[in-house]
Amino acid sequence: MTTVESQIEAEIPGLRRYARALSGDMAQADDLVQDCLERALSRLALWRRDGNVRAWLFTILRNVWIDELRRRKVRPEQNGMDEAMEGAATAPNQHDRLVVRDLVTALALLAPEQRETVLLVGLEGMSYAEAAGVTGVPVGTVMSRLKRGRDRLALLMHGGEFAIRRVK
């Protein structure tokens, strides 16, 4: 295995986290990561050897996700058995599970640009410059989106006007 391939392999857990946070669905996240890796490996010759593999992969994943969103607008998905089975399961009552559910809901309420910036910097630990490279915006815009996104998350999680209802 070449060095680049091992670097790509090391980024798979981060790609899965990011894809899951974007899509909100484990199966779809796995499909996004698979498509991302397929594109990356088929276009490995196009990768600049002096570039950042992590930023390159996250950019590909983001582009795959945007393509998927566009495809859904043109051709909406039909409800399948997977969705019917999800409703049949009973979620556990642990407090941590509820907090994570609230966080996922709050993330979904953020503007897409803010959500993606919060995920890249907050969840994946990317620098502002790396996140700017992935999203294709200036560093100052990343900082602004991150600040607004964090403020909105805090408002939603801790009792703002549109706060998520907490179950106790």
N, C-alpha and C. Protein backbone atom coordinates (compact mmCIF):
# COMPACT_ATOMS: atom_id res chain seq x y z
N MET A 1 0.85 -1.18 0.00
CA MET A 1 0.00 0.00 0.00
C MET A 1 0.89 1.24 0.00
N THR A 2 0.57 2.18 -0.85
CA THR A 2 1.37 3.40 -0.92
C THR A 2 1.06 4.30 0.27
N THR A 3 1.87 5.29 0.46
CA THR A 3 1.69 6.24 1.56
C THR A 3 0.38 7.01 1.42
N VAL A 4 0.05 7.42 0.22
CA VAL A 4 -1.19 8.17 0.00
C VAL A 4 -2.40 7.30 0.32
N GLU A 5 -2.36 6.05 -0.08
CA GLU A 5 -3.48 5.16 0.20
C GLU A 5 -3.64 4.93 1.70
N SER A 6 -2.55 4.84 2.42
CA SER A 6 -2.65 4.67 3.88
C SER A 6 -3.15 5.95 4.54
N GLN A 7 -2.80 7.10 3.99
CA GLN A 7 -3.33 8.37 4.50
C GLN A 7 -4.84 8.45 4.26
N ILE A 8 -5.27 8.01 3.10
CA ILE A 8 -6.69 7.99 2.78
C ILE A 8 -7.42 7.06 3.74
N GLU A 9 -6.86 5.90 3.96
CA GLU A 9 -7.48 4.93 4.88
C GLU A 9 -7.60 5.50 6.29
N ALA A 10 -6.62 6.25 6.73
CA ALA A 10 -6.64 6.83 8.07
C ALA A 10 -7.74 7.89 8.22
N GLU A 11 -8.20 8.47 7.13
CA GLU A 11 -9.22 9.52 7.18
C GLU A 11 -10.65 8.97 7.13
N ILE A 12 -10.82 7.68 6.92
CA ILE A 12 -12.16 7.10 6.78
C ILE A 12 -13.05 7.35 8.01
N PRO A 13 -12.57 7.18 9.24
CA PRO A 13 -13.46 7.46 10.38
C PRO A 13 -13.96 8.91 10.41
N GLY A 14 -13.10 9.86 10.10
CA GLY A 14 -13.51 11.26 10.06
C GLY A 14 -14.50 11.52 8.94
N LEU A 15 -14.28 10.90 7.80
CA LEU A 15 -15.21 11.04 6.68
C LEU A 15 -16.58 10.48 7.05
N ARG A 16 -16.59 9.34 7.75
CA ARG A 16 -17.87 8.74 8.16
C ARG A 16 -18.61 9.65 9.15
N ARG A 17 -17.87 10.25 10.09
CA ARG A 17 -18.51 11.16 11.05
C ARG A 17 -19.13 12.35 10.33
N TYR A 18 -18.37 12.93 9.43
CA TYR A 18 -18.83 14.10 8.69
C TYR A 18 -20.03 13.75 7.81
N ALA A 19 -19.96 12.62 7.12
CA ALA A 19 -21.06 12.19 6.26
C ALA A 19 -22.31 11.91 7.09
N ARG A 20 -22.14 11.30 8.25
CA ARG A 20 -23.29 11.02 9.12
C ARG A 20 -23.91 12.32 9.61
N ALA A 21 -23.07 13.27 9.96
CA ALA A 21 -23.59 14.55 10.44
C ALA A 21 -24.30 15.31 9.32
N LEU A 22 -23.81 15.21 8.10
CA LEU A 22 -24.45 15.88 6.97
C LEU A 22 -25.79 15.24 6.62
N SER A 23 -25.80 13.92 6.54
CA SER A 23 -26.98 13.22 6.05
C SER A 23 -27.97 12.84 7.14
N GLY A 24 -27.47 12.60 8.35
CA GLY A 24 -28.36 12.18 9.43
C GLY A 24 -28.78 10.73 9.33
N ASP A 25 -28.19 9.98 8.42
CA ASP A 25 -28.58 8.59 8.20
C ASP A 25 -27.32 7.75 8.01
N MET A 26 -27.19 6.69 8.80
CA MET A 26 -25.99 5.85 8.77
C MET A 26 -25.78 5.20 7.41
N ALA A 27 -26.83 4.65 6.83
CA ALA A 27 -26.69 3.97 5.54
C ALA A 27 -26.30 4.96 4.44
N GLN A 28 -26.95 6.11 4.45
CA GLN A 28 -26.62 7.11 3.44
C GLN A 28 -25.20 7.63 3.65
N ALA A 29 -24.79 7.78 4.90
CA ALA A 29 -23.43 8.23 5.20
C ALA A 29 -22.41 7.24 4.65
N ASP A 30 -22.67 5.96 4.83
CA ASP A 30 -21.77 4.94 4.30
C ASP A 30 -21.69 5.02 2.77
N ASP A 31 -22.83 5.25 2.14
CA ASP A 31 -22.85 5.41 0.68
C ASP A 31 -22.04 6.63 0.24
N LEU A 32 -22.19 7.74 0.99
CA LEU A 32 -21.44 8.96 0.67
C LEU A 32 -19.94 8.72 0.79
N VAL A 33 -19.53 8.05 1.85
CA VAL A 33 -18.10 7.78 2.05
C VAL A 33 -17.59 6.86 0.95
N GLN A 34 -18.37 5.84 0.61
CA GLN A 34 -17.95 4.93 -0.45
C GLN A 34 -17.79 5.68 -1.77
N ASP A 35 -18.76 6.53 -2.10
CA ASP A 35 -18.65 7.32 -3.34
C ASP A 35 -17.45 8.25 -3.30
N CYS A 36 -17.21 8.85 -2.13
CA CYS A 36 -16.06 9.74 -1.97
C CYS A 36 -14.75 8.99 -2.20
N LEU A 37 -14.63 7.83 -1.57
CA LEU A 37 -13.39 7.04 -1.71
C LEU A 37 -13.22 6.54 -3.13
N GLU A 38 -14.32 6.17 -3.75
CA GLU A 38 -14.25 5.72 -5.14
C GLU A 38 -13.74 6.84 -6.05
N ARG A 39 -14.28 8.04 -5.86
CA ARG A 39 -13.82 9.18 -6.65
C ARG A 39 -12.36 9.50 -6.37
N ALA A 40 -12.00 9.48 -5.10
CA ALA A 40 -10.62 9.82 -4.73
C ALA A 40 -9.64 8.83 -5.34
N LEU A 41 -9.92 7.55 -5.21
CA LEU A 41 -8.98 6.55 -5.72
C LEU A 41 -8.95 6.53 -7.25
N SER A 42 -10.08 6.79 -7.89
CA SER A 42 -10.08 6.80 -9.36
C SER A 42 -9.40 8.05 -9.92
N ARG A 43 -9.28 9.07 -9.09
CA ARG A 43 -8.65 10.32 -9.53
C ARG A 43 -7.37 10.62 -8.75
N LEU A 44 -6.77 9.60 -8.23
CA LEU A 44 -5.57 9.76 -7.43
C LEU A 44 -4.45 10.46 -8.20
N ALA A 45 -4.41 10.25 -9.49
CA ALA A 45 -3.38 10.88 -10.31
C ALA A 45 -3.56 12.39 -10.38
N LEU A 46 -4.78 12.87 -10.11
CA LEU A 46 -5.05 14.31 -10.17
C LEU A 46 -4.68 15.02 -8.87
N TRP A 47 -4.47 14.26 -7.80
CA TRP A 47 -4.15 14.86 -6.51
C TRP A 47 -2.74 15.44 -6.54
N ARG A 48 -2.63 16.69 -6.06
CA ARG A 48 -1.31 17.33 -5.98
C ARG A 48 -0.55 16.72 -4.82
N ARG A 49 0.59 16.19 -5.07
CA ARG A 49 1.37 15.48 -4.05
C ARG A 49 1.77 16.38 -2.88
N ASP A 50 1.82 17.69 -3.09
CA ASP A 50 2.16 18.59 -2.00
C ASP A 50 0.92 19.07 -1.26
N GLY A 51 -0.26 18.59 -1.67
CA GLY A 51 -1.51 19.02 -1.06
C GLY A 51 -1.86 18.23 0.20
N ASN A 52 -2.90 18.67 0.87
CA ASN A 52 -3.40 18.06 2.09
C ASN A 52 -4.43 16.99 1.72
N VAL A 53 -4.12 15.72 1.99
CA VAL A 53 -5.02 14.61 1.65
C VAL A 53 -6.35 14.76 2.37
N ARG A 54 -6.30 15.15 3.64
CA ARG A 54 -7.52 15.28 4.43
C ARG A 54 -8.47 16.31 3.83
N ALA A 55 -7.95 17.49 3.52
CA ALA A 55 -8.79 18.54 2.94
C ALA A 55 -9.33 18.10 1.58
N TRP A 56 -8.51 17.41 0.80
CA TRP A 56 -8.92 16.93 -0.51
C TRP A 56 -10.09 15.95 -0.38
N LEU A 57 -9.99 15.01 0.56
CA LEU A 57 -11.05 14.03 0.76
C LEU A 57 -12.34 14.67 1.27
N PHE A 58 -12.22 15.61 2.21
CA PHE A 58 -13.41 16.26 2.73
C PHE A 58 -14.07 17.12 1.65
N THR A 59 -13.28 17.70 0.77
CA THR A 59 -13.83 18.46 -0.34
C THR A 59 -14.60 17.54 -1.28
N ILE A 60 -14.04 16.39 -1.57
CA ILE A 60 -14.72 15.42 -2.42
C ILE A 60 -16.03 14.98 -1.77
N LEU A 61 -15.98 14.66 -0.46
CA LEU A 61 -17.18 14.23 0.24
C LEU A 61 -18.26 15.32 0.21
N ARG A 62 -17.85 16.54 0.43
CA ARG A 62 -18.80 17.66 0.40
C ARG A 62 -19.43 17.78 -0.98
N ASN A 63 -18.63 17.65 -2.03
CA ASN A 63 -19.15 17.74 -3.39
C ASN A 63 -20.09 16.58 -3.71
N VAL A 64 -19.77 15.38 -3.22
CA VAL A 64 -20.66 14.23 -3.41
C VAL A 64 -21.99 14.50 -2.72
N TRP A 65 -21.94 15.07 -1.52
CA TRP A 65 -23.17 15.38 -0.78
C TRP A 65 -24.01 16.42 -1.52
N ILE A 66 -23.37 17.46 -2.03
CA ILE A 66 -24.09 18.50 -2.78
C ILE A 66 -24.72 17.90 -4.03
N ASP A 67 -23.98 17.02 -4.72
CA ASP A 67 -24.54 16.34 -5.89
C ASP A 67 -25.77 15.52 -5.50
N GLU A 68 -25.70 14.85 -4.35
CA GLU A 68 -26.82 14.05 -3.87
C GLU A 68 -28.04 14.92 -3.57
N LEU A 69 -27.81 16.07 -2.95
CA LEU A 69 -28.93 16.99 -2.66
C LEU A 69 -29.57 17.47 -3.95
N ARG A 70 -28.77 17.78 -4.93
CA ARG A 70 -29.31 18.23 -6.22
C ARG A 70 -30.10 17.12 -6.90
N ARG A 71 -29.57 15.91 -6.81
CA ARG A 71 -30.26 14.76 -7.42
C ARG A 71 -31.62 14.54 -6.77
N ARG A 72 -31.70 14.71 -5.45
CA ARG A 72 -32.96 14.52 -4.73
C ARG A 72 -34.01 15.55 -5.14
N LYS A 73 -33.57 16.78 -5.45
CA LYS A 73 -34.52 17.80 -5.87
C LYS A 73 -35.15 17.44 -7.20
N VAL A 74 -34.36 16.83 -8.06
CA VAL A 74 -34.85 16.45 -9.38
C VAL A 74 -35.67 15.16 -9.29
N ARG A 75 -35.20 14.21 -8.50
CA ARG A 75 -35.84 12.90 -8.41
C ARG A 75 -35.93 12.48 -6.94
N PRO A 76 -37.01 12.87 -6.24
CA PRO A 76 -37.14 12.53 -4.83
C PRO A 76 -37.15 11.03 -4.60
N GLU A 77 -36.61 10.63 -3.46
CA GLU A 77 -36.57 9.20 -3.11
C GLU A 77 -37.95 8.76 -2.65
N GLN A 78 -38.25 7.48 -2.88
CA GLN A 78 -39.49 6.93 -2.40
C GLN A 78 -39.26 6.31 -1.03
N ASN A 79 -40.31 6.27 -0.22
CA ASN A 79 -40.21 5.65 1.09
C ASN A 79 -40.01 4.15 0.92
N GLY A 80 -39.05 3.62 1.67
CA GLY A 80 -38.76 2.20 1.59
C GLY A 80 -38.97 1.51 2.91
N MET A 81 -38.65 0.25 2.96
CA MET A 81 -38.81 -0.53 4.18
C MET A 81 -37.87 -0.06 5.28
N ASP A 82 -36.70 0.44 4.94
CA ASP A 82 -35.75 0.90 5.96
C ASP A 82 -36.38 1.98 6.82
N GLU A 83 -37.06 2.93 6.21
CA GLU A 83 -37.69 4.01 6.97
C GLU A 83 -38.82 3.48 7.83
N ALA A 84 -39.58 2.51 7.33
CA ALA A 84 -40.67 1.94 8.11
C ALA A 84 -40.12 1.19 9.33
N MET A 85 -39.00 0.53 9.18
CA MET A 85 -38.40 -0.22 10.29
C MET A 85 -37.81 0.70 11.34
N GLU A 86 -37.30 1.86 10.94
CA GLU A 86 -36.75 2.81 11.91
C GLU A 86 -37.81 3.26 12.89
N GLY A 87 -39.03 3.46 12.44
CA GLY A 87 -40.11 3.88 13.31
C GLY A 87 -40.57 2.78 14.26
N ALA A 88 -40.29 1.52 13.93
CA ALA A 88 -40.72 0.41 14.77
C ALA A 88 -39.83 0.22 15.99
N ALA A 89 -38.62 0.68 15.94
CA ALA A 89 -37.69 0.49 17.05
C ALA A 89 -37.98 1.49 18.17
N THR A 90 -37.69 1.10 19.40
CA THR A 90 -37.87 1.96 20.55
C THR A 90 -36.50 2.47 21.00
N ALA A 91 -36.37 3.77 21.09
CA ALA A 91 -35.09 4.36 21.50
C ALA A 91 -34.91 4.21 23.01
N PRO A 92 -33.67 3.99 23.47
CA PRO A 92 -33.42 3.90 24.90
C PRO A 92 -33.64 5.26 25.58
N ASN A 93 -33.80 5.25 26.88
CA ASN A 93 -34.15 6.45 27.61
C ASN A 93 -32.95 7.12 28.30
N GLN A 94 -31.75 6.79 27.96
CA GLN A 94 -30.60 7.39 28.63
C GLN A 94 -30.49 8.87 28.30
N HIS A 95 -30.07 9.62 29.30
CA HIS A 95 -29.93 11.08 29.17
C HIS A 95 -28.97 11.46 28.05
N ASP A 96 -27.82 10.79 27.97
CA ASP A 96 -26.84 11.13 26.93
C ASP A 96 -27.43 10.96 25.55
N ARG A 97 -28.25 9.97 25.38
CA ARG A 97 -28.88 9.73 24.09
C ARG A 97 -29.80 10.90 23.72
N LEU A 98 -30.49 11.43 24.72
CA LEU A 98 -31.38 12.57 24.48
C LEU A 98 -30.59 13.83 24.13
N VAL A 99 -29.46 14.01 24.79
CA VAL A 99 -28.63 15.17 24.50
C VAL A 99 -28.10 15.09 23.07
N VAL A 100 -27.67 13.90 22.67
CA VAL A 100 -27.18 13.72 21.30
C VAL A 100 -28.32 13.96 20.31
N ARG A 101 -29.51 13.47 20.62
CA ARG A 101 -30.66 13.70 19.75
C ARG A 101 -30.94 15.19 19.62
N ASP A 102 -30.89 15.90 20.76
CA ASP A 102 -31.11 17.35 20.72
C ASP A 102 -30.05 18.06 19.89
N LEU A 103 -28.80 17.61 20.02
CA LEU A 103 -27.72 18.21 19.24
C LEU A 103 -27.92 17.97 17.75
N VAL A 104 -28.30 16.76 17.39
CA VAL A 104 -28.55 16.45 15.98
C VAL A 104 -29.69 17.31 15.44
N THR A 105 -30.74 17.47 16.25
CA THR A 105 -31.87 18.31 15.84
C THR A 105 -31.43 19.76 15.70
N ALA A 106 -30.65 20.25 16.67
CA ALA A 106 -30.17 21.63 16.62
C ALA A 106 -29.27 21.85 15.40
N LEU A 107 -28.40 20.89 15.11
CA LEU A 107 -27.54 21.00 13.93
C LEU A 107 -28.37 21.08 12.66
N ALA A 108 -29.44 20.31 12.61
CA ALA A 108 -30.30 20.32 11.42
C ALA A 108 -31.00 21.67 11.24
N LEU A 109 -31.18 22.41 12.33
CA LEU A 109 -31.84 23.72 12.25
C LEU A 109 -30.89 24.84 11.83
N LEU A 110 -29.60 24.57 11.84
CA LEU A 110 -28.63 25.58 11.42
C LEU A 110 -28.69 25.77 9.91
N ALA A 111 -28.29 26.93 9.46
CA ALA A 111 -28.14 27.15 8.02
C ALA A 111 -27.09 26.17 7.51
N PRO A 112 -27.25 25.63 6.31
CA PRO A 112 -26.31 24.62 5.81
C PRO A 112 -24.84 25.06 5.87
N GLU A 113 -24.56 26.33 5.56
CA GLU A 113 -23.19 26.82 5.58
C GLU A 113 -22.63 26.82 7.00
N GLN A 114 -23.48 27.19 7.97
CA GLN A 114 -23.04 27.20 9.36
C GLN A 114 -22.84 25.77 9.86
N ARG A 115 -23.77 24.87 9.52
CA ARG A 115 -23.67 23.48 9.96
C ARG A 115 -22.39 22.84 9.46
N GLU A 116 -22.10 23.04 8.18
CA GLU A 116 -20.92 22.40 7.62
C GLU A 116 -19.65 22.96 8.24
N THR A 117 -19.61 24.25 8.54
CA THR A 117 -18.44 24.86 9.16
C THR A 117 -18.28 24.38 10.60
N VAL A 118 -19.38 24.31 11.35
CA VAL A 118 -19.32 23.81 12.72
C VAL A 118 -18.83 22.37 12.73
N LEU A 119 -19.29 21.56 11.79
CA LEU A 119 -18.87 20.16 11.74
C LEU A 119 -17.40 20.02 11.38
N LEU A 120 -16.95 20.78 10.40
CA LEU A 120 -15.55 20.67 9.98
C LEU A 120 -14.59 21.13 11.07
N VAL A 121 -14.90 22.26 11.71
CA VAL A 121 -13.99 22.80 12.72
C VAL A 121 -14.22 22.14 14.08
N GLY A 122 -15.50 22.03 14.48
CA GLY A 122 -15.81 21.50 15.80
C GLY A 122 -15.68 20.00 15.92
N LEU A 123 -16.25 19.27 14.98
CA LEU A 123 -16.24 17.81 15.04
C LEU A 123 -14.94 17.22 14.50
N GLU A 124 -14.51 17.71 13.36
CA GLU A 124 -13.33 17.14 12.71
C GLU A 124 -12.03 17.81 13.12
N GLY A 125 -12.11 18.92 13.83
CA GLY A 125 -10.90 19.57 14.33
C GLY A 125 -10.04 20.21 13.25
N MET A 126 -10.65 20.58 12.14
CA MET A 126 -9.89 21.23 11.07
C MET A 126 -9.56 22.67 11.47
N SER A 127 -8.47 23.16 10.95
CA SER A 127 -8.13 24.56 11.16
C SER A 127 -9.05 25.41 10.29
N TYR A 128 -9.07 26.71 10.57
CA TYR A 128 -9.89 27.61 9.76
C TYR A 128 -9.44 27.54 8.30
N ALA A 129 -8.14 27.48 8.08
CA ALA A 129 -7.62 27.44 6.71
C ALA A 129 -8.04 26.16 6.01
N GLU A 130 -8.00 25.02 6.71
CA GLU A 130 -8.42 23.76 6.10
C GLU A 130 -9.91 23.79 5.76
N ALA A 131 -10.72 24.29 6.70
CA ALA A 131 -12.15 24.38 6.45
C ALA A 131 -12.44 25.33 5.28
N ALA A 132 -11.69 26.41 5.19
CA ALA A 132 -11.85 27.34 4.07
C ALA A 132 -11.52 26.65 2.76
N GLY A 133 -10.48 25.82 2.76
CA GLY A 133 -10.12 25.09 1.56
C GLY A 133 -11.19 24.09 1.15
N VAL A 134 -11.79 23.41 2.12
CA VAL A 134 -12.83 22.43 1.82
C VAL A 134 -14.08 23.11 1.28
N THR A 135 -14.48 24.21 1.89
CA THR A 135 -15.73 24.87 1.50
C THR A 135 -15.56 25.88 0.37
N GLY A 136 -14.32 26.28 0.10
CA GLY A 136 -14.08 27.22 -0.99
C GLY A 136 -14.44 28.65 -0.67
N VAL A 137 -14.35 29.03 0.61
CA VAL A 137 -14.64 30.40 1.01
C VAL A 137 -13.43 30.96 1.76
N PRO A 138 -13.32 32.28 1.92
CA PRO A 138 -12.19 32.87 2.65
C PRO A 138 -12.21 32.47 4.13
N VAL A 139 -11.05 32.53 4.76
CA VAL A 139 -10.91 32.17 6.18
C VAL A 139 -11.83 33.04 7.04
N GLY A 140 -11.94 34.31 6.74
CA GLY A 140 -12.81 35.20 7.51
C GLY A 140 -14.26 34.75 7.46
N THR A 141 -14.70 34.24 6.32
CA THR A 141 -16.06 33.74 6.19
C THR A 141 -16.25 32.49 7.05
N VAL A 142 -15.24 31.63 7.08
CA VAL A 142 -15.29 30.44 7.94
C VAL A 142 -15.43 30.86 9.39
N MET A 143 -14.63 31.83 9.81
CA MET A 143 -14.68 32.29 11.20
C MET A 143 -16.06 32.88 11.53
N SER A 144 -16.62 33.64 10.62
CA SER A 144 -17.92 34.25 10.83
C SER A 144 -19.01 33.18 10.90
N ARG A 145 -18.99 32.23 9.97
CA ARG A 145 -19.99 31.16 9.97
C ARG A 145 -19.88 30.31 11.24
N LEU A 146 -18.66 30.07 11.68
CA LEU A 146 -18.45 29.28 12.89
C LEU A 146 -19.02 30.01 14.11
N LYS A 147 -18.76 31.29 14.22
CA LYS A 147 -19.26 32.08 15.35
C LYS A 147 -20.79 32.10 15.36
N ARG A 148 -21.39 32.39 14.21
CA ARG A 148 -22.85 32.42 14.14
C ARG A 148 -23.44 31.04 14.40
N GLY A 149 -22.81 30.00 13.86
CA GLY A 149 -23.28 28.64 14.07
C GLY A 149 -23.21 28.21 15.52
N ARG A 150 -22.10 28.51 16.18
CA ARG A 150 -21.96 28.17 17.60
C ARG A 150 -22.96 28.94 18.45
N ASP A 151 -23.15 30.21 18.14
CA ASP A 151 -24.12 31.02 18.89
C ASP A 151 -25.53 30.45 18.73
N ARG A 152 -25.88 30.10 17.52
CA ARG A 152 -27.21 29.54 17.25
C ARG A 152 -27.38 28.19 17.93
N LEU A 153 -26.34 27.35 17.91
CA LEU A 153 -26.41 26.06 18.61
C LEU A 153 -26.61 26.26 20.10
N ALA A 154 -25.87 27.18 20.68
CA ALA A 154 -26.01 27.45 22.12
C ALA A 154 -27.42 27.91 22.43
N LEU A 155 -27.97 28.77 21.57
CA LEU A 155 -29.33 29.25 21.77
C LEU A 155 -30.33 28.10 21.71
N LEU A 156 -30.17 27.24 20.73
CA LEU A 156 -31.08 26.11 20.57
C LEU A 156 -30.95 25.08 21.69
N MET A 157 -29.75 24.83 22.13
CA MET A 157 -29.50 23.80 23.14
C MET A 157 -29.80 24.28 24.56
N HIS A 158 -29.75 25.57 24.80
CA HIS A 158 -29.85 26.05 26.18
C HIS A 158 -31.01 27.01 26.41
N GLY A 159 -32.10 26.81 25.71
CA GLY A 159 -33.30 27.52 26.06
C GLY A 159 -33.57 28.83 25.37
N GLY A 160 -33.13 29.00 24.15
CA GLY A 160 -33.44 30.22 23.41
C GLY A 160 -34.88 30.20 22.93
N GLU A 161 -35.25 31.19 22.15
CA GLU A 161 -36.64 31.32 21.71
C GLU A 161 -37.12 30.14 20.89
N PHE A 162 -36.22 29.48 20.16
CA PHE A 162 -36.59 28.31 19.36
C PHE A 162 -35.97 27.05 19.96
N ALA A 163 -35.82 27.04 21.26
CA ALA A 163 -35.12 25.93 21.91
C ALA A 163 -35.83 24.61 21.68
N ILE A 164 -35.04 23.59 21.64
CA ILE A 164 -35.55 22.23 21.49
C ILE A 164 -36.14 21.82 22.83
N ARG A 165 -37.31 21.21 22.77
CA ARG A 165 -37.94 20.76 24.02
C ARG A 165 -37.13 19.65 24.64
N ARG A 166 -36.89 19.77 25.91
CA ARG A 166 -36.15 18.75 26.66
C ARG A 166 -37.16 17.85 27.38
N VAL A 167 -36.88 16.57 27.38
CA VAL A 167 -37.71 15.61 28.09
C VAL A 167 -36.96 15.21 29.35
N LYS A 168 -37.63 15.35 30.49
CA LYS A 168 -36.96 14.98 31.76
C LYS A 168 -37.70 13.86 32.42
